[in-house]
Amino acid sequence: MTTELELRGITKRFPGVLACDGIDLTARRGEIHCIVGENGAGKTTLMSILYGLIPPDEGEILVRGEPVRFHSPLDAIRRGLGMVHQAFKLFPSLTVAENVIFREEPAKLGWIDRKRAVARVQELADAYGLAVDPTAVVEDLPVGVLQRVEILKALYRHASILILDEPTAVLTPQERDRLFDVMRRLRDSGRTILFITHKLAEVMSVADRITVLRNGKAVAELDPATTTPEEISRHMTGRDVEPVRAGAPTALGDVVLSVRSLTVRGAHSLPVVSDVSFDVRAGEVVGIAAVAGNGQTELIEAIAGLREIESGTVTLAGVDITHLDVAGRRRAGMSYIPEDRHRVGTAAAASVSENLLMGYQRTDRMRRGAWLRRRAVADHAGRLKDEFAIKVSGVDVAAGTLSGGNLQKVALAREMAHDAPLIIAEQPTRGVDIGAIEFIHTRLVAARDRGAAILLVSAELSEIQSLATRILVMFEGRIVAELDPDRVDEAEIGLHMTGGKVAGA
């Protein structure tokens, strides 16, 4: 097979961090090359260098045998590269179609042919099973749909080298499988795909070759035909990692969260959550499964106080919190891990220490009168940094400089340290590595066992099946099924998520 792409000795340093340490990687034409590694291992930095987003300090890139130097993504695009980013690169005020066609606009009589653009994007969306309204404005879309827009952007440009950074995070099993079919067809047509993922089952399903990064180095190149997920995880972490199975709760306590007849309106005043009712009891994990865009995001935002409630009530530990603000809900006993760690979960310009302090800054432990206790703040940040294994040179650096997975750990550490009676965990392991997933799952189970009520929303059906006591399935803004995780498989859950019926049900 012909070498399509070669990276030689790629090195990148940031203050206090050696992100890439002399990485060599070769990708062949017509292969799916999976790149795996823990958070902070250098995956995203390496792909950002390859796509022209940041320059390497050392090393060189060869495309089809020719040395290249990319000063921007436009240079990379001109050489046939396309990238689906983990952190979205979209214009919020533009429509889906406008984002997809940007700099590649179809024209008619010297003007952008918007009708043709919308039709082309709709055609792509239908062809690849990515449910997106081309006329929707991006800032009005939930994070799951934004991921689909990024995938469409790359597919629209027919890149010969396609970089996919965690593209399946918000897909159902059926959508994921359709994407894999697309990837295989692209591979068979001669395209090269660099696929970054934390999901080892996906690696084993689609990879032709696997490169493992650890601490900024390429530590192994593996053949999926001769390796195992256990061997891959050992190369990633340097230890054996066991999946967490929550098991049945010892006993359920009183109702902590009660949602009754909740209705929420979205864009154009249309209902996105319709007459939803459910309870979460102390000592249980209730999982919500849904395809992105079916109301689960708006439901959680309404419960958390980030979205206005049209009608219905939300009660926390017997207290009606329907009309309380976010601070009032936190005081009532709610911790919230949002799905979007960038826009909602953290403040990029603030330091890691300041992000970890949010929600604690008014406690007596953290302040004396109007002034913060500097030693207490530093001790708090240092303890959470160590406890949650946040990889950062120091807690005074800006949170926006962290990798996606480490930023997620900052949000998790802050919220789980509150020891609240209710924990809302929305996509808690999105974009984090296998070792961090094990740790997060262990912490959620421990919180459940101490009597916390946990409302879990996840695009990972295996995560919901492993942790949930009950599964609620949402479709078009309604709860359409309540399932026992021990009695259903992913395919059956997926059918409910897409509005289908299970044979024999």
Protein backbone atom coordinates (compact mmCIF):
# COMPACT_ATOMS: atom_id res chain seq x y z
CA MET A 1 0.00 0.00 0.00
CA THR A 2 1.27 3.48 -0.90
CA THR A 3 2.24 5.82 1.93
CA GLU A 4 -0.19 8.76 1.91
CA LEU A 5 0.99 10.61 5.00
CA GLU A 6 4.12 10.52 7.12
CA LEU A 7 4.97 12.35 10.33
CA ARG A 8 8.62 12.36 11.38
CA GLY A 9 9.82 13.40 14.82
CA ILE A 10 6.89 15.73 15.55
CA THR A 11 7.61 17.62 18.78
CA LYS A 12 5.52 20.34 20.44
CA ARG A 13 6.14 22.07 23.76
CA PHE A 14 3.78 24.23 25.76
CA PRO A 15 4.72 25.98 29.03
CA GLY A 16 5.51 23.18 31.43
CA VAL A 17 4.19 20.46 29.10
CA LEU A 18 5.85 18.36 26.39
CA ALA A 19 2.70 17.55 24.42
CA CYS A 20 4.35 15.67 21.52
CA ASP A 21 7.75 14.08 21.98
CA GLY A 22 9.31 13.03 18.67
CA ILE A 23 6.25 11.23 17.30
CA ASP A 24 6.62 9.16 14.11
CA LEU A 25 3.49 7.98 12.29
CA THR A 26 2.83 6.60 8.83
CA ALA A 27 -0.64 6.33 7.25
CA ARG A 28 -1.22 4.46 4.02
CA ARG A 29 -3.59 5.19 1.20
CA GLY A 30 -6.84 3.31 1.60
CA GLU A 31 -6.66 2.53 5.33
CA ILE A 32 -8.39 3.47 8.55
CA HIS A 33 -5.62 4.30 10.99
CA CYS A 34 -6.84 4.59 14.59
CA ILE A 35 -4.94 6.78 17.04
CA VAL A 36 -5.66 6.11 20.70
CA GLY A 37 -4.28 7.33 24.00
CA GLU A 38 -5.23 8.81 27.33
CA ASN A 39 -6.18 12.47 27.76
CA GLY A 40 -3.03 14.53 27.48
CA ALA A 41 -1.26 11.82 25.49
CA GLY A 42 -0.87 14.20 22.55
CA LYS A 43 -3.57 13.02 20.12
CA THR A 44 -5.39 16.29 19.58
CA THR A 45 -2.15 18.31 19.57
CA LEU A 46 -0.70 16.00 16.93
CA MET A 47 -3.80 16.30 14.74
CA SER A 48 -3.87 20.08 15.22
CA ILE A 49 -0.29 20.23 13.95
CA LEU A 50 -1.18 18.03 10.99
CA TYR A 51 -4.15 20.25 10.10
CA GLY A 52 -2.16 23.50 10.30
CA LEU A 53 -3.80 24.83 13.47
CA ILE A 54 -0.51 25.03 15.39
CA PRO A 55 3.10 24.74 14.18
CA PRO A 56 5.42 21.96 15.36
CA ASP A 57 8.59 22.93 17.23
CA GLU A 58 10.45 20.10 15.51
CA GLY A 59 9.81 17.43 12.87
CA GLU A 60 8.31 17.33 9.42
CA ILE A 61 5.13 16.32 7.59
CA LEU A 62 5.12 14.54 4.24
CA VAL A 63 1.97 14.24 2.12
CA ARG A 64 2.30 11.67 -0.67
CA GLY A 65 6.08 11.79 -0.22
CA GLU A 66 6.40 15.56 -0.48
CA PRO A 67 7.47 17.64 2.56
CA VAL A 68 4.85 20.26 3.45
CA ARG A 69 4.51 23.04 5.98
CA PHE A 70 0.99 24.13 6.83
CA HIS A 71 0.60 27.70 8.08
CA SER A 72 -3.18 27.38 8.43
CA PRO A 73 -5.99 24.86 7.86
CA LEU A 74 -6.48 26.40 4.40
CA ASP A 75 -3.05 25.05 3.45
CA ALA A 76 -4.04 21.61 4.74
CA ILE A 77 -7.37 21.70 2.89
CA ARG A 78 -5.60 22.59 -0.35
CA ARG A 79 -3.43 19.49 0.08
CA GLY A 80 -6.50 17.30 0.50
CA LEU A 81 -6.93 17.14 4.29
CA GLY A 82 -10.23 17.48 6.12
CA MET A 83 -10.89 17.41 9.85
CA VAL A 84 -13.86 16.80 12.11
CA HIS A 85 -12.89 18.63 15.30
CA GLN A 86 -13.59 17.56 18.85
CA ALA A 87 -14.02 21.24 19.78
CA PHE A 88 -16.39 22.59 17.19
CA LYS A 89 -15.19 25.12 14.57
CA LEU A 90 -18.50 26.65 13.55
CA PHE A 91 -20.02 30.11 13.05
CA PRO A 92 -22.87 30.30 15.59
CA SER A 93 -24.89 32.95 13.73
CA LEU A 94 -24.88 31.09 10.38
CA THR A 95 -27.11 28.24 9.29
CA VAL A 96 -26.00 24.63 9.02
CA ALA A 97 -25.78 24.87 5.23
CA GLU A 98 -23.79 28.11 5.38
CA ASN A 99 -21.29 26.51 7.76
CA VAL A 100 -20.92 23.41 5.61
CA ILE A 101 -20.34 25.24 2.32
CA PHE A 102 -18.14 28.02 3.71
CA ARG A 103 -15.39 28.87 1.16
CA GLU A 104 -16.86 26.22 -1.17
CA GLU A 105 -20.14 27.97 -1.99
CA PRO A 106 -22.14 26.95 -5.08
CA ALA A 107 -22.79 30.02 -7.22
CA LYS A 108 -25.43 31.17 -9.67
CA LEU A 109 -25.02 34.36 -11.72
CA GLY A 110 -22.29 35.52 -9.36
CA TRP A 111 -24.37 34.99 -6.21
CA ILE A 112 -24.37 32.17 -3.68
CA ASP A 113 -26.94 29.61 -4.79
CA ARG A 114 -28.52 29.05 -1.36
CA LYS A 115 -31.21 26.74 -2.67
CA ARG A 116 -28.61 24.44 -4.20
CA ALA A 117 -26.49 24.64 -1.05
CA VAL A 118 -29.42 23.59 1.15
CA ALA A 119 -30.31 20.77 -1.24
CA ARG A 120 -26.71 19.51 -1.34
CA VAL A 121 -26.36 19.53 2.45
CA GLN A 122 -29.72 17.79 2.82
CA GLU A 123 -28.59 15.19 0.30
CA LEU A 124 -25.41 14.54 2.28
CA ALA A 125 -27.30 14.40 5.57
CA ASP A 126 -29.76 11.85 4.16
CA ALA A 127 -26.99 9.79 2.53
CA TYR A 128 -25.04 9.39 5.76
CA GLY A 129 -27.91 9.16 8.24
CA LEU A 130 -27.03 12.45 9.95
CA ALA A 131 -30.34 14.10 10.89
CA VAL A 132 -29.71 17.84 10.47
CA ASP A 133 -31.91 20.70 9.28
CA PRO A 134 -29.74 22.64 6.79
CA THR A 135 -31.71 25.83 7.44
CA ALA A 136 -31.30 25.75 11.23
CA VAL A 137 -29.08 28.38 12.87
CA VAL A 138 -26.08 26.76 14.54
CA GLU A 139 -26.31 28.68 17.84
CA ASP A 140 -29.78 27.16 18.38
CA LEU A 141 -28.57 23.57 18.06
CA PRO A 142 -27.61 21.14 20.85
CA VAL A 143 -24.06 19.83 21.02
CA GLY A 144 -24.95 16.48 19.44
CA VAL A 145 -26.25 18.09 16.29
CA LEU A 146 -23.18 20.35 16.11
CA GLN A 147 -21.04 17.23 15.84
CA ARG A 148 -23.07 16.13 12.83
CA VAL A 149 -22.50 19.50 11.18
CA GLU A 150 -18.74 19.02 11.59
CA ILE A 151 -18.96 15.59 9.96
CA LEU A 152 -20.93 17.06 7.07
CA LYS A 153 -18.34 19.81 6.59
CA ALA A 154 -15.60 17.24 6.05
CA LEU A 155 -17.71 15.01 3.80
CA TYR A 156 -18.74 18.01 1.67
CA ARG A 157 -15.10 18.69 0.73
CA HIS A 158 -14.25 15.11 -0.33
CA ALA A 159 -10.92 15.14 1.49
CA SER A 160 -8.44 12.43 0.50
CA ILE A 161 -7.07 12.41 4.07
CA LEU A 162 -9.84 12.69 6.65
CA ILE A 163 -9.13 13.30 10.33
CA LEU A 164 -12.02 12.27 12.60
CA ASP A 165 -11.59 13.40 16.21
CA GLU A 166 -14.14 11.51 18.34
CA PRO A 167 -16.87 11.64 15.66
CA THR A 168 -19.18 8.98 17.17
CA ALA A 169 -19.66 10.61 20.57
CA VAL A 170 -23.29 11.57 19.89
CA LEU A 171 -24.46 8.81 17.56
CA THR A 172 -26.82 5.94 18.27
CA PRO A 173 -25.52 2.42 17.58
CA GLN A 174 -27.37 2.42 14.27
CA GLU A 175 -25.94 5.82 13.25
CA ARG A 176 -22.48 4.76 14.39
CA ASP A 177 -22.67 1.64 12.27
CA ARG A 178 -23.80 3.68 9.28
CA LEU A 179 -20.86 6.03 9.79
CA PHE A 180 -18.53 3.05 9.92
CA ASP A 181 -19.99 1.83 6.63
CA VAL A 182 -19.27 5.26 5.16
CA MET A 183 -15.72 5.15 6.52
CA ARG A 184 -15.14 1.75 4.96
CA ARG A 185 -16.48 2.94 1.60
CA LEU A 186 -14.20 5.97 1.79
CA ARG A 187 -11.28 3.71 2.62
CA ASP A 188 -12.12 1.35 -0.24
CA SER A 189 -12.22 4.32 -2.63
CA GLY A 190 -8.59 5.09 -1.72
CA ARG A 191 -9.04 7.69 1.00
CA THR A 192 -6.96 7.68 4.18
CA ILE A 193 -8.79 8.09 7.49
CA LEU A 194 -7.16 9.03 10.79
CA PHE A 195 -9.69 8.07 13.43
CA ILE A 196 -9.19 9.32 17.00
CA THR A 197 -11.37 7.61 19.56
CA HIS A 198 -11.42 6.43 23.17
CA LYS A 199 -13.78 3.55 22.38
CA LEU A 200 -11.78 0.40 22.01
CA ALA A 201 -14.73 -1.56 20.60
CA GLU A 202 -14.81 0.95 17.74
CA VAL A 203 -11.09 0.54 17.20
CA MET A 204 -11.44 -3.23 16.93
CA SER A 205 -14.40 -2.82 14.56
CA VAL A 206 -12.95 -0.45 11.95
CA ALA A 207 -9.18 -0.13 12.33
CA ASP A 208 -6.70 -1.41 9.78
CA ARG A 209 -3.84 -0.27 12.00
CA ILE A 210 -3.59 1.24 15.49
CA THR A 211 -1.08 3.71 16.90
CA VAL A 212 -1.04 4.15 20.68
CA LEU A 213 0.20 7.40 22.23
CA ARG A 214 1.22 7.76 25.87
CA ASN A 215 2.75 10.85 27.49
CA GLY A 216 3.42 12.44 24.12
CA LYS A 217 5.17 9.43 22.58
CA ALA A 218 4.07 6.78 20.09
CA VAL A 219 4.54 3.66 22.23
CA ALA A 220 3.00 0.96 20.03
CA GLU A 221 1.74 0.19 16.55
CA LEU A 222 -0.73 -2.68 16.61
CA ASP A 223 -2.61 -4.88 14.17
CA PRO A 224 -6.28 -5.26 15.18
CA ALA A 225 -6.21 -8.82 13.85
CA THR A 226 -3.63 -9.83 16.44
CA THR A 227 -4.30 -7.52 19.39
CA THR A 228 -7.05 -7.21 22.02
CA PRO A 229 -8.77 -4.28 23.76
CA GLU A 230 -6.98 -5.31 26.94
CA GLU A 231 -3.58 -5.04 25.26
CA ILE A 232 -4.47 -1.64 23.78
CA SER A 233 -5.59 -0.30 27.17
CA ARG A 234 -2.37 -1.57 28.78
CA HIS A 235 -0.31 0.35 26.22
CA MET A 236 -2.49 3.44 26.79
CA THR A 237 -2.37 3.44 30.59
CA GLY A 238 0.52 1.21 31.58
CA ARG A 239 -1.83 -0.91 33.70
CA ASP A 240 -4.83 -3.24 33.52
CA VAL A 241 -8.20 -1.42 33.36
CA GLU A 242 -11.41 -3.18 34.34
CA PRO A 243 -14.86 -1.89 33.28
CA VAL A 244 -17.10 -0.78 36.15
CA ARG A 245 -20.37 -2.61 36.65
CA ALA A 246 -22.62 -0.75 39.04
CA GLY A 247 -24.66 -3.73 40.21
CA ALA A 248 -28.02 -3.40 41.90
CA PRO A 249 -28.37 -0.70 44.56
CA THR A 250 -28.61 -2.00 48.10
CA ALA A 251 -31.74 0.00 48.84
CA LEU A 252 -33.62 2.93 47.36
CA GLY A 253 -34.42 5.93 49.51
CA ASP A 254 -36.92 8.74 49.22
CA VAL A 255 -37.64 10.61 46.01
CA VAL A 256 -34.97 13.30 45.58
CA LEU A 257 -35.90 14.68 42.14
CA SER A 258 -39.51 14.80 40.99
CA VAL A 259 -40.43 16.13 37.54
CA ARG A 260 -44.11 16.52 36.79
CA SER A 261 -45.80 17.35 33.46
CA LEU A 262 -42.79 19.35 32.31
CA THR A 263 -43.16 21.20 29.02
CA VAL A 264 -40.40 23.32 27.50
CA ARG A 265 -40.45 25.37 24.30
CA GLY A 266 -37.52 25.84 21.95
CA ALA A 267 -36.94 27.72 18.72
CA HIS A 268 -40.03 29.26 17.08
CA SER A 269 -41.97 28.58 20.30
CA LEU A 270 -42.36 24.92 19.42
CA PRO A 271 -42.45 22.40 22.30
CA VAL A 272 -39.19 20.45 22.57
CA VAL A 273 -40.16 18.72 25.84
CA SER A 274 -43.78 17.64 26.10
CA ASP A 275 -45.51 16.61 29.35
CA VAL A 276 -42.53 14.72 30.82
CA SER A 277 -42.83 13.16 34.28
CA PHE A 278 -40.42 10.97 36.24
CA ASP A 279 -38.76 10.54 39.66
CA VAL A 280 -35.21 9.83 40.76
CA ARG A 281 -34.79 8.28 44.20
CA ALA A 282 -31.87 8.35 46.57
CA GLY A 283 -29.46 5.51 45.79
CA GLU A 284 -30.38 5.03 42.14
CA VAL A 285 -29.06 6.05 38.73
CA VAL A 286 -31.73 6.91 36.18
CA GLY A 287 -30.34 6.97 32.66
CA ILE A 288 -31.84 8.98 29.81
CA ALA A 289 -31.15 7.61 26.32
CA ALA A 290 -32.01 9.62 23.22
CA VAL A 291 -30.70 10.58 19.83
CA ALA A 292 -29.31 14.12 19.94
CA GLY A 293 -32.03 16.68 19.24
CA ASN A 294 -34.90 14.80 20.85
CA GLY A 295 -35.35 17.07 23.85
CA GLN A 296 -32.96 15.56 26.37
CA THR A 297 -30.68 18.62 26.37
CA GLU A 298 -33.60 21.02 26.86
CA LEU A 299 -35.03 18.79 29.60
CA ILE A 300 -31.79 18.88 31.56
CA GLU A 301 -31.34 22.62 31.02
CA ALA A 302 -34.85 23.21 32.36
CA ILE A 303 -34.19 21.08 35.45
CA ALA A 304 -30.84 22.83 36.01
CA GLY A 305 -32.36 26.32 35.68
CA LEU A 306 -30.75 27.24 32.36
CA ARG A 307 -33.97 27.22 30.32
CA GLU A 308 -37.43 28.62 31.01
CA ILE A 309 -40.15 26.12 31.88
CA GLU A 310 -43.43 26.55 30.00
CA SER A 311 -45.44 24.43 32.44
CA GLY A 312 -45.01 21.70 35.00
CA THR A 313 -42.96 21.47 38.20
CA VAL A 314 -39.52 20.40 39.38
CA THR A 315 -39.11 19.39 43.02
CA LEU A 316 -35.78 18.70 44.76
CA ALA A 317 -35.84 16.97 48.15
CA GLY A 318 -39.42 18.15 48.65
CA VAL A 319 -38.69 21.78 47.73
CA ASP A 320 -40.31 23.29 44.63
CA ILE A 321 -37.38 24.68 42.60
CA THR A 322 -39.33 25.32 39.38
CA HIS A 323 -38.72 29.07 39.48
CA LEU A 324 -35.38 29.22 41.34
CA ASP A 325 -32.27 30.48 39.59
CA VAL A 326 -29.16 28.33 39.14
CA ALA A 327 -27.61 29.47 42.42
CA GLY A 328 -30.83 28.69 44.27
CA ARG A 329 -30.94 25.20 42.82
CA ARG A 330 -27.35 24.60 43.83
CA ARG A 331 -28.18 25.70 47.39
CA ALA A 332 -31.14 23.31 47.33
CA GLY A 333 -28.77 20.41 46.67
CA MET A 334 -28.10 20.08 42.94
CA SER A 335 -24.78 19.40 41.24
CA TYR A 336 -24.72 19.68 37.45
CA ILE A 337 -22.14 18.32 35.01
CA PRO A 338 -23.17 19.90 31.67
CA GLU A 339 -22.64 18.24 28.30
CA ASP A 340 -20.80 21.24 26.86
CA ARG A 341 -17.69 21.69 28.95
CA HIS A 342 -16.53 24.64 26.84
CA ARG A 343 -19.61 26.90 26.72
CA VAL A 344 -21.31 25.93 30.01
CA GLY A 345 -19.08 23.75 32.17
CA THR A 346 -16.00 25.99 32.44
CA ALA A 347 -14.74 29.53 31.89
CA ALA A 348 -11.88 29.31 29.40
CA ALA A 349 -10.16 32.58 30.41
CA ALA A 350 -10.29 31.79 34.13
CA SER A 351 -7.61 29.67 35.77
CA VAL A 352 -8.05 26.02 36.66
CA SER A 353 -8.09 27.06 40.31
CA GLU A 354 -10.85 29.61 39.69
CA ASN A 355 -12.91 27.06 37.76
CA LEU A 356 -12.59 24.55 40.59
CA LEU A 357 -13.64 27.25 43.07
CA MET A 358 -16.93 28.13 41.34
CA GLY A 359 -19.83 27.37 43.62
CA TYR A 360 -17.60 27.29 46.72
CA GLN A 361 -16.47 30.92 46.70
CA ARG A 362 -19.16 32.09 49.14
CA THR A 363 -18.59 29.36 51.74
CA ASP A 364 -17.00 30.22 55.06
CA ARG A 365 -14.19 27.77 54.33
CA MET A 366 -13.13 29.75 51.25
CA ARG A 367 -13.55 33.35 52.35
CA ARG A 368 -13.01 35.71 55.25
CA GLY A 369 -15.50 38.54 55.01
CA ALA A 370 -15.32 39.92 51.46
CA TRP A 371 -11.93 38.33 50.73
CA LEU A 372 -11.02 34.84 49.60
CA ARG A 373 -8.74 32.71 51.76
CA ARG A 374 -5.86 32.21 49.32
CA ARG A 375 -4.39 29.21 51.15
CA ALA A 376 -7.79 27.47 51.32
CA VAL A 377 -8.42 28.15 47.61
CA ALA A 378 -4.99 26.78 46.66
CA ASP A 379 -5.42 23.69 48.84
CA HIS A 380 -8.88 23.04 47.37
CA ALA A 381 -7.60 23.28 43.80
CA GLY A 382 -4.52 21.17 44.50
CA ARG A 383 -6.56 18.45 46.19
CA LEU A 384 -9.04 18.16 43.32
CA LYS A 385 -6.24 18.31 40.71
CA ASP A 386 -4.55 15.32 42.35
CA GLU A 387 -7.75 13.42 43.19
CA PHE A 388 -9.10 13.66 39.65
CA ALA A 389 -5.70 13.31 37.92
CA ILE A 390 -6.03 16.58 36.01
CA LYS A 391 -2.93 16.83 33.83
CA VAL A 392 -1.85 20.47 33.98
CA SER A 393 1.45 22.20 34.73
CA GLY A 394 -0.18 24.25 37.49
CA VAL A 395 -3.63 25.26 38.73
CA ASP A 396 -2.96 28.90 37.83
CA VAL A 397 -2.95 28.28 34.06
CA ALA A 398 -6.01 29.22 32.01
CA ALA A 399 -8.56 26.43 31.73
CA GLY A 400 -8.86 27.10 28.00
CA THR A 401 -5.33 25.74 27.46
CA LEU A 402 -6.27 22.26 28.71
CA SER A 403 -7.06 19.30 26.49
CA GLY A 404 -10.73 18.44 26.15
CA GLY A 405 -10.51 15.47 28.48
CA ASN A 406 -8.69 17.38 31.20
CA LEU A 407 -11.19 20.22 30.92
CA GLN A 408 -13.93 17.64 31.47
CA LYS A 409 -12.13 16.48 34.60
CA VAL A 410 -12.15 20.05 35.93
CA ALA A 411 -15.94 20.25 35.59
CA LEU A 412 -16.38 16.78 37.08
CA ALA A 413 -14.08 17.46 40.02
CA ARG A 414 -15.87 20.70 40.92
CA GLU A 415 -19.38 19.24 40.74
CA MET A 416 -18.75 15.89 42.39
CA ALA A 417 -16.88 17.47 45.29
CA HIS A 418 -20.10 19.25 46.35
CA ASP A 419 -21.46 16.01 47.85
CA ALA A 420 -24.95 17.09 46.73
CA PRO A 421 -28.05 14.88 47.14
CA LEU A 422 -28.75 15.20 43.38
CA ILE A 423 -26.11 14.83 40.67
CA ILE A 424 -27.09 15.54 37.07
CA ALA A 425 -24.39 14.00 34.89
CA GLU A 426 -24.82 14.96 31.23
CA GLN A 427 -22.34 13.13 28.97
CA PRO A 428 -19.88 12.82 31.90
CA THR A 429 -17.30 10.76 29.98
CA ARG A 430 -17.50 12.43 26.57
CA GLY A 431 -13.99 12.80 25.20
CA VAL A 432 -12.16 11.23 28.14
CA ASP A 433 -9.88 8.21 28.05
CA ILE A 434 -10.48 4.68 29.24
CA GLY A 435 -8.68 5.20 32.54
CA ALA A 436 -10.67 8.36 33.27
CA ILE A 437 -13.91 6.59 32.32
CA GLU A 438 -13.15 3.89 34.89
CA PHE A 439 -12.46 6.56 37.50
CA ILE A 440 -15.60 8.60 36.69
CA HIS A 441 -17.81 5.52 36.74
CA THR A 442 -16.35 4.48 40.07
CA ARG A 443 -17.06 7.92 41.53
CA LEU A 444 -20.65 7.91 40.24
CA VAL A 445 -21.30 4.48 41.71
CA ALA A 446 -19.74 5.57 45.01
CA ALA A 447 -22.01 8.64 45.06
CA ARG A 448 -25.01 6.42 44.38
CA ASP A 449 -23.99 4.07 47.18
CA ARG A 450 -23.73 6.92 49.67
CA GLY A 451 -27.34 7.80 48.83
CA ALA A 452 -27.10 10.38 46.04
CA ALA A 453 -29.75 10.41 43.34
CA ILE A 454 -28.12 10.49 39.91
CA LEU A 455 -29.73 11.53 36.63
CA LEU A 456 -27.42 10.33 33.86
CA VAL A 457 -27.67 11.44 30.23
CA SER A 458 -25.27 9.71 27.86
CA ALA A 459 -24.88 8.99 24.18
CA GLU A 460 -22.93 5.89 25.23
CA LEU A 461 -25.54 3.17 25.60
CA SER A 462 -22.95 0.84 27.14
CA GLU A 463 -22.39 3.49 29.83
CA ILE A 464 -26.10 3.74 30.57
CA GLN A 465 -26.47 -0.04 30.66
CA SER A 466 -23.50 -0.37 33.02
CA LEU A 467 -24.57 2.32 35.49
CA ALA A 468 -28.33 2.85 35.32
CA THR A 469 -30.92 1.32 37.57
CA ARG A 470 -33.60 2.33 35.07
CA ILE A 471 -33.43 3.64 31.51
CA LEU A 472 -35.85 6.29 30.24
CA VAL A 473 -35.90 6.66 26.45
CA MET A 474 -36.83 10.00 24.90
CA PHE A 475 -38.11 10.50 21.37
CA GLU A 476 -39.39 13.80 19.98
CA GLY A 477 -39.56 15.40 23.41
CA ARG A 478 -41.43 12.62 25.20
CA ILE A 479 -40.49 9.65 27.33
CA VAL A 480 -41.52 6.71 25.16
CA ALA A 481 -40.14 3.79 27.17
CA GLU A 482 -38.88 2.79 30.59
CA LEU A 483 -36.47 -0.14 30.33
CA ASP A 484 -34.60 -2.49 32.64
CA PRO A 485 -30.89 -2.31 31.67
CA ASP A 486 -30.46 -5.99 32.52
CA ARG A 487 -33.21 -7.05 30.11
CA VAL A 488 -32.43 -5.05 26.95
CA ASP A 489 -29.54 -4.77 24.52
CA GLU A 490 -28.19 -1.75 22.62
CA ALA A 491 -30.15 -2.59 19.49
CA GLU A 492 -33.48 -2.59 21.34
CA ILE A 493 -32.68 0.68 23.10
CA GLY A 494 -31.65 2.16 19.75
CA LEU A 495 -34.97 1.18 18.18
CA HIS A 496 -36.89 3.00 20.91
CA MET A 497 -34.58 6.01 20.46
CA THR A 498 -35.45 6.26 16.79
CA GLY A 499 -39.20 5.77 17.29
CA GLY A 500 -39.19 2.17 16.08
CA LYS A 501 -40.95 -0.80 17.64
CA VAL A 502 -39.29 -3.89 18.98
CA ALA A 503 -40.40 -7.09 17.29
CA GLY A 504 -42.66 -9.10 19.58
CA ALA A 505 -43.07 -6.21 22.04
